C-alpha atoms as a PDB file:
ATOM      1  CA  MET A   1     123.266  87.896  86.413  1.00  0.00           C
ATOM      2  CA  ALA A   2     120.615  90.491  86.524  1.00  0.00           C
ATOM      3  CA  ASP A   3     121.241  94.301  86.126  1.00  0.00           C
ATOM      4  CA  ASP A   4     120.991  95.693  89.778  1.00  0.00           C
ATOM      5  CA  ASN A   5     119.472  98.939  88.270  1.00  0.00           C
ATOM      6  CA  LYS A   6     116.931  97.588  86.105  1.00  0.00           C
ATOM      7  CA  ILE A   7     113.391  98.940  86.942  1.00  0.00           C
ATOM      8  CA  TYR A   8     110.478  96.426  86.821  1.00  0.00           C
ATOM      9  CA  PRO A   9     107.420  98.372  85.386  1.00  0.00           C
ATOM     10  CA  GLU A  10     105.321  95.289  85.906  1.00  0.00           C
ATOM     11  CA  VAL A  11     105.481  95.694  89.638  1.00  0.00           C
ATOM     12  CA  GLY A  12     104.386  99.117  89.513  1.00  0.00           C
ATOM     13  CA  ALA A  13     101.593  98.292  87.107  1.00  0.00           C
ATOM     14  CA  ALA A  14     100.242  95.545  89.415  1.00  0.00           C
ATOM     15  CA  LEU A  15     100.315  97.854  92.539  1.00  0.00           C
ATOM     16  CA  LEU A  16      98.454 100.457  90.490  1.00  0.00           C
ATOM     17  CA  LYS A  17      95.764  97.753  89.445  1.00  0.00           C
ATOM     18  CA  ALA A  18      95.534  96.421  93.082  1.00  0.00           C
ATOM     19  CA  ARG A  19      95.255  99.741  94.594  1.00  0.00           C
ATOM     20  CA  LYS A  20      92.366 100.899  92.100  1.00  0.00           C
ATOM     21  CA  GLU A  21      90.522  97.546  92.572  1.00  0.00           C
ATOM     22  CA  ALA A  22      90.735  98.344  96.422  1.00  0.00           C
ATOM     23  CA  GLY A  23      89.238 101.589  95.606  1.00  0.00           C
ATOM     24  CA  LEU A  24      91.925 103.515  97.428  1.00  0.00           C
ATOM     25  CA  THR A  25      93.887 106.719  96.463  1.00  0.00           C
ATOM     26  CA  GLN A  26      97.559 106.904  97.006  1.00  0.00           C
ATOM     27  CA  ASP A  27      96.991 109.025 100.048  1.00  0.00           C
ATOM     28  CA  GLN A  28      94.636 106.433 101.324  1.00  0.00           C
ATOM     29  CA  LEU A  29      97.084 103.670 100.808  1.00  0.00           C
ATOM     30  CA  ALA A  30      99.800 105.770 102.294  1.00  0.00           C
ATOM     31  CA  GLU A  31      97.972 105.961 105.498  1.00  0.00           C
ATOM     32  CA  ARG A  32      96.858 102.494 105.812  1.00  0.00           C
ATOM     33  CA  SER A  33     100.199 100.701 104.927  1.00  0.00           C
ATOM     34  CA  GLY A  34     102.766 103.293 106.509  1.00  0.00           C
ATOM     35  CA  VAL A  35     104.334 103.848 103.039  1.00  0.00           C
ATOM     36  CA  SER A  36     104.599 107.364 101.816  1.00  0.00           C
ATOM     37  CA  ARG A  37     102.444 108.578  99.088  1.00  0.00           C
ATOM     38  CA  ILE A  38     105.675 109.788  97.204  1.00  0.00           C
ATOM     39  CA  THR A  39     107.128 106.258  97.503  1.00  0.00           C
ATOM     40  CA  ILE A  40     103.647 104.712  96.016  1.00  0.00           C
ATOM     41  CA  ALA A  41     103.750 107.170  93.216  1.00  0.00           C
ATOM     42  CA  ARG A  42     107.482 106.337  92.365  1.00  0.00           C
ATOM     43  CA  ILE A  43     106.686 102.576  92.296  1.00  0.00           C
ATOM     44  CA  GLU A  44     103.585 102.945  90.138  1.00  0.00           C
ATOM     45  CA  GLN A  45     105.440 105.329  87.696  1.00  0.00           C
ATOM     46  CA  ALA A  46     108.404 102.764  87.557  1.00  0.00           C
ATOM     47  CA  HIS A  47     110.765 105.140  89.008  1.00  0.00           C
ATOM     48  CA  ILE A  48     112.084 102.748  91.668  1.00  0.00           C
ATOM     49  CA  ASN A  49     111.967  99.105  92.724  1.00  0.00           C
ATOM     50  CA  PRO A  50     110.202  98.507  95.991  1.00  0.00           C
ATOM     51  CA  SER A  51     111.659  96.276  98.659  1.00  0.00           C
ATOM     52  CA  PHE A  52     109.887  93.185  99.639  1.00  0.00           C
ATOM     53  CA  ARG A  53     109.192  94.616 103.194  1.00  0.00           C
ATOM     54  CA  THR A  54     107.526  97.628 101.099  1.00  0.00           C
ATOM     55  CA  LEU A  55     105.544  95.255  98.993  1.00  0.00           C
ATOM     56  CA  GLU A  56     104.222  93.368 102.156  1.00  0.00           C
ATOM     57  CA  ALA A  57     103.171  96.655 103.742  1.00  0.00           C
ATOM     58  CA  LEU A  58     101.348  97.836 100.816  1.00  0.00           C
ATOM     59  CA  ALA A  59      99.608  94.399 100.458  1.00  0.00           C
ATOM     60  CA  HIS A  60      98.436  94.568 104.023  1.00  0.00           C
ATOM     61  CA  GLY A  61      97.226  98.374 103.411  1.00  0.00           C
ATOM     62  CA  MET A  62      95.006  96.858 100.831  1.00  0.00           C
ATOM     63  CA  ASP A  63      93.917  93.784 102.818  1.00  0.00           C
ATOM     64  CA  ARG A  64      95.692  91.573 100.448  1.00  0.00           C
ATOM     65  CA  THR A  65      98.271  88.878 100.510  1.00  0.00           C
ATOM     66  CA  LEU A  66     101.545  89.264  98.689  1.00  0.00           C
ATOM     67  CA  THR A  67     102.207  86.461  96.399  1.00  0.00           C
ATOM     68  CA  ILE A  68     105.497  85.996  94.379  1.00  0.00           C
ATOM     69  CA  SER A  69     105.670  83.622  91.542  1.00  0.00           C
ATOM     70  CA  PHE A  70     108.564  82.393  89.558  1.00  0.00           C
ATOM     71  CA  ASP A  71     106.338  81.475  86.382  1.00  0.00           C
ATOM     72  CA  ARG A  72     107.753  80.570  83.262  1.00  0.00           C
ATOM     73  CA  SER A  73     108.161  83.217  80.486  1.00  0.00           C
END
């Protein structure tokens, strides 16, 4: 069973990359997604794990589709 407190930095890195590719600042993404800038910063800095709902809102704010994959390691 996974550790419930484990932080997944790859999620934050993927968000940062997508946001930069979209040409958005954290403030702009916050306005477009309805997710606070502080939450976006905390996700990007791997301080928190976002909920699925938050990830969906962020993807929508960047005009992207959220895709989840269960790839092999």
